[in-house]
C-alpha atoms as a PDB file:
ATOM      1  CA  MET A   1      59.974  29.391  56.361  1.00  0.00           C
ATOM      2  CA  THR A   2      58.010  29.447  53.013  1.00  0.00           C
ATOM      3  CA  ASP A   3      58.709  25.885  51.056  1.00  0.00           C
ATOM      4  CA  THR A   4      59.029  27.912  47.194  1.00  0.00           C
ATOM      5  CA  THR A   5      59.755  24.918  45.804  1.00  0.00           C
ATOM      6  CA  ARG A   6      56.222  23.782  45.688  1.00  0.00           C
ATOM      7  CA  ARG A   7      53.518  25.161  43.064  1.00  0.00           C
ATOM      8  CA  LEU A   8      51.062  27.564  44.328  1.00  0.00           C
ATOM      9  CA  THR A   9      47.702  26.117  44.289  1.00  0.00           C
ATOM     10  CA  PRO A  10      45.133  27.668  41.486  1.00  0.00           C
ATOM     11  CA  LYS A  11      43.069  28.966  44.455  1.00  0.00           C
ATOM     12  CA  ARG A  12      46.127  30.734  45.717  1.00  0.00           C
ATOM     13  CA  ILE A  13      47.042  32.150  42.836  1.00  0.00           C
ATOM     14  CA  ASP A  14      43.387  33.216  42.080  1.00  0.00           C
ATOM     15  CA  GLN A  15      43.423  35.499  45.422  1.00  0.00           C
ATOM     16  CA  ASP A  16      46.383  37.202  44.293  1.00  0.00           C
ATOM     17  CA  VAL A  17      44.854  38.113  41.115  1.00  0.00           C
ATOM     18  CA  GLN A  18      42.063  39.467  42.568  1.00  0.00           C
ATOM     19  CA  ALA A  19      44.412  41.269  45.005  1.00  0.00           C
ATOM     20  CA  LEU A  20      46.177  42.839  42.600  1.00  0.00           C
ATOM     21  CA  ASN A  21      42.836  44.111  40.523  1.00  0.00           C
ATOM     22  CA  GLY A  22      41.835  45.409  43.739  1.00  0.00           C
ATOM     23  CA  LEU A  23      45.136  47.367  43.933  1.00  0.00           C
ATOM     24  CA  ARG A  24      44.014  49.060  40.841  1.00  0.00           C
ATOM     25  CA  THR A  25      41.150  50.765  42.640  1.00  0.00           C
ATOM     26  CA  ILE A  26      43.426  52.233  45.530  1.00  0.00           C
ATOM     27  CA  LYS A  27      44.323  55.955  44.901  1.00  0.00           C
ATOM     28  CA  ASN A  28      47.125  57.477  45.776  1.00  0.00           C
ATOM     29  CA  TYR A  29      49.074  54.025  46.538  1.00  0.00           C
ATOM     30  CA  THR A  30      52.471  54.799  47.183  1.00  0.00           C
ATOM     31  CA  PRO A  31      54.571  51.741  48.867  1.00  0.00           C
ATOM     32  CA  VAL A  32      57.662  52.065  50.812  1.00  0.00           C
ATOM     33  CA  ARG A  33      59.110  48.936  49.099  1.00  0.00           C
ATOM     34  CA  GLN A  34      60.085  48.731  45.291  1.00  0.00           C
ATOM     35  CA  ALA A  35      58.630  44.864  45.148  1.00  0.00           C
ATOM     36  CA  ALA A  36      55.514  46.300  46.597  1.00  0.00           C
ATOM     37  CA  ALA A  37      54.750  48.582  43.678  1.00  0.00           C
ATOM     38  CA  TYR A  38      51.564  48.295  41.345  1.00  0.00           C
ATOM     39  CA  GLU A  39      54.166  48.438  38.322  1.00  0.00           C
ATOM     40  CA  THR A  40      56.274  45.561  39.896  1.00  0.00           C
ATOM     41  CA  VAL A  41      53.213  43.461  40.692  1.00  0.00           C
ATOM     42  CA  GLN A  42      51.820  43.921  37.201  1.00  0.00           C
ATOM     43  CA  GLN A  43      55.215  43.239  35.666  1.00  0.00           C
ATOM     44  CA  THR A  44      55.648  39.987  37.842  1.00  0.00           C
ATOM     45  CA  TYR A  45      52.244  38.829  36.840  1.00  0.00           C
ATOM     46  CA  ARG A  46      52.565  39.161  33.037  1.00  0.00           C
ATOM     47  CA  ASP A  47      55.894  37.170  33.835  1.00  0.00           C
ATOM     48  CA  MET A  48      54.118  34.641  35.628  1.00  0.00           C
ATOM     49  CA  LEU A  49      51.318  34.317  32.334  1.00  0.00           C
ATOM     50  CA  GLN A  50      54.274  33.975  29.951  1.00  0.00           C
ATOM     51  CA  SER A  51      56.033  31.061  32.067  1.00  0.00           C
ATOM     52  CA  GLN A  52      52.290  29.213  32.608  1.00  0.00           C
ATOM     53  CA  GLN A  53      51.868  29.600  28.732  1.00  0.00           C
ATOM     54  CA  GLN A  54      55.531  28.481  27.763  1.00  0.00           C
ATOM     55  CA  GLU A  55      54.757  25.504  30.138  1.00  0.00           C
ATOM     56  CA  ILE A  56      51.943  24.532  28.416  1.00  0.00           C
ATOM     57  CA  GLU A  57      53.124  24.679  25.189  1.00  0.00           C
ATOM     58  CA  MET A  58      56.206  22.437  26.121  1.00  0.00           C
ATOM     59  CA  GLU A  59      54.076  20.279  27.649  1.00  0.00           C
ATOM     60  CA  ALA A  60      52.056  19.821  24.127  1.00  0.00           C
ATOM     61  CA  ARG A  61      55.679  19.425  22.966  1.00  0.00           C
ATOM     62  CA  LEU A  62      56.367  16.448  25.464  1.00  0.00           C
ATOM     63  CA  LYS A  63      53.415  14.766  25.037  1.00  0.00           C
ATOM     64  CA  ALA A  64      54.126  14.901  21.235  1.00  0.00           C
ATOM     65  CA  THR A  65      57.374  13.465  21.337  1.00  0.00           C
ATOM     66  CA  ARG A  66      56.720  11.026  23.781  1.00  0.00           C
ATOM     67  CA  ASP A  67      53.823   9.653  20.737  1.00  0.00           C
ATOM     68  CA  ARG A  68      56.457   9.998  18.374  1.00  0.00           C
ATOM     69  CA  ALA A  69      58.881   7.850  20.589  1.00  0.00           C
ATOM     70  CA  ARG A  70      56.486   5.221  21.415  1.00  0.00           C
ATOM     71  CA  GLU A  71      55.024   4.923  17.865  1.00  0.00           C
ATOM     72  CA  ALA A  72      59.079   4.482  16.651  1.00  0.00           C
ATOM     73  CA  GLU A  73      59.576   1.440  19.419  1.00  0.00           C
ATOM     74  CA  TRP A  74      56.245   0.393  18.272  1.00  0.00           C
ATOM     75  CA  ALA A  75      57.757   0.388  14.543  1.00  0.00           C
ATOM     76  CA  PHE A  76      61.499  -1.091  15.542  1.00  0.00           C
ATOM     77  CA  HIS A  77      59.805  -3.701  17.607  1.00  0.00           C
ATOM     78  CA  ASN A  78      57.106  -4.993  14.463  1.00  0.00           C
ATOM     79  CA  SER A  79      59.824  -4.477  12.101  1.00  0.00           C
ATOM     80  CA  VAL A  80      62.413  -7.485  13.953  1.00  0.00           C
ATOM     81  CA  LEU A  81      59.318  -9.415  14.542  1.00  0.00           C
ATOM     82  CA  ALA A  82      58.876  -9.452  10.946  1.00  0.00           C
ATOM     83  CA  MET A  83      63.036  -9.992  10.424  1.00  0.00           C
ATOM     84  CA  LYS A  84      62.542 -12.933  12.578  1.00  0.00           C
ATOM     85  CA  GLN A  85      60.053 -14.454  11.103  1.00  0.00           C
ATOM     86  CA  SER A  86      61.719 -14.330   7.315  1.00  0.00           C
ATOM     87  CA  VAL A  87      65.027 -15.878   8.759  1.00  0.00           C
ATOM     88  CA  LEU A  88      62.951 -18.415  10.207  1.00  0.00           C
ATOM     89  CA  GLY A  89      60.979 -18.760   6.873  1.00  0.00           C
ATOM     90  CA  GLN A  90      64.483 -18.491   4.771  1.00  0.00           C
ATOM     91  CA  PHE A  91      66.425 -20.978   6.958  1.00  0.00           C
ATOM     92  CA  GLY A  92      64.367 -23.290   9.217  1.00  0.00           C
ATOM     93  CA  PRO A  93      63.023 -23.989  12.515  1.00  0.00           C
ATOM     94  CA  ASP A  94      66.688 -26.011  13.427  1.00  0.00           C
ATOM     95  CA  SER A  95      69.090 -23.835  12.094  1.00  0.00           C
ATOM     96  CA  HIS A  96      72.194 -21.645  13.324  1.00  0.00           C
ATOM     97  CA  GLU A  97      70.549 -18.338  11.896  1.00  0.00           C
ATOM     98  CA  ILE A  98      67.481 -18.576  13.490  1.00  0.00           C
ATOM     99  CA  GLN A  99      69.427 -18.958  16.811  1.00  0.00           C
ATOM    100  CA  ALA A 100      71.640 -15.624  16.044  1.00  0.00           C
ATOM    101  CA  VAL A 101      68.144 -14.122  16.047  1.00  0.00           C
ATOM    102  CA  GLY A 102      67.406 -14.896  19.756  1.00  0.00           C
ATOM    103  CA  TYR A 103      65.137 -18.052  18.715  1.00  0.00           C
ATOM    104  CA  LYS A 104      65.957 -21.641  20.161  1.00  0.00           C
ATOM    105  CA  LYS A 105      66.729 -24.189  17.424  1.00  0.00           C
ATOM    106  CA  LYS A 106      63.475 -26.699  17.626  1.00  0.00           C
ATOM    107  CA  ALA A 107      66.289 -29.500  18.583  1.00  0.00           C
ATOM    108  CA  GLU A 108      67.012 -27.726  21.868  1.00  0.00           C
ATOM    109  CA  ARG A 109      63.662 -27.173  22.876  1.00  0.00           C
ATOM    110  CA  LYS A 110      62.122 -29.066  25.710  1.00  0.00           C
ATOM    111  CA  ARG A 111      59.303 -31.577  25.084  1.00  0.00           C
ATOM    112  CA  SER A 112      56.502 -31.554  27.715  1.00  0.00           C
ATOM    113  CA  ARG A 113      55.912 -34.909  28.709  1.00  0.00           C
ATOM    114  CA  ARG A 114      52.991 -36.576  30.366  1.00  0.00           C
ATOM    115  CA  ARG A 115      52.381 -36.550  34.102  1.00  0.00           C
ATOM    116  CA  LYS A 116      51.334 -39.512  35.516  1.00  0.00           C
ATOM    117  CA  PRO A 117      48.602 -38.959  37.526  1.00  0.00           C
ATOM    118  CA  ASN A 118      49.008 -38.151  40.880  1.00  0.00           C
ATOM    119  CA  PRO A 119      47.688 -40.952  43.282  1.00  0.00           C
ATOM    120  CA  ASP A 120      47.381 -38.771  46.320  1.00  0.00           C
ATOM    121  CA  ALA A 121      45.103 -36.798  44.506  1.00  0.00           C
ATOM    122  CA  SER A 122      41.703 -37.638  45.125  1.00  0.00           C
END
């Protein structure tokens, strides 16, 4: 059974296009199956090209949308940083307001302590 969930390789598609081009040279081609008729194969080829074009356009739109979202995220982040600095400047480093925006109060920060030299270390 053929796995139709995976994409065909470009090499395989090129071979199929060459086969379609070769079919044009065959005179008196009358297939039994309608799926094998030249018009049907030609139509499925046009459908494939159209779908590939739509895919390319959608990928371009996705990339542009992704870029806009990234830029919006950075703009939001930078405005929040500016707001935090503004709150810090307006209310001071030991205020309740600075704590409300996510900073620690200056009095609640741990002070670094000097470490005693380790006698075991040479």
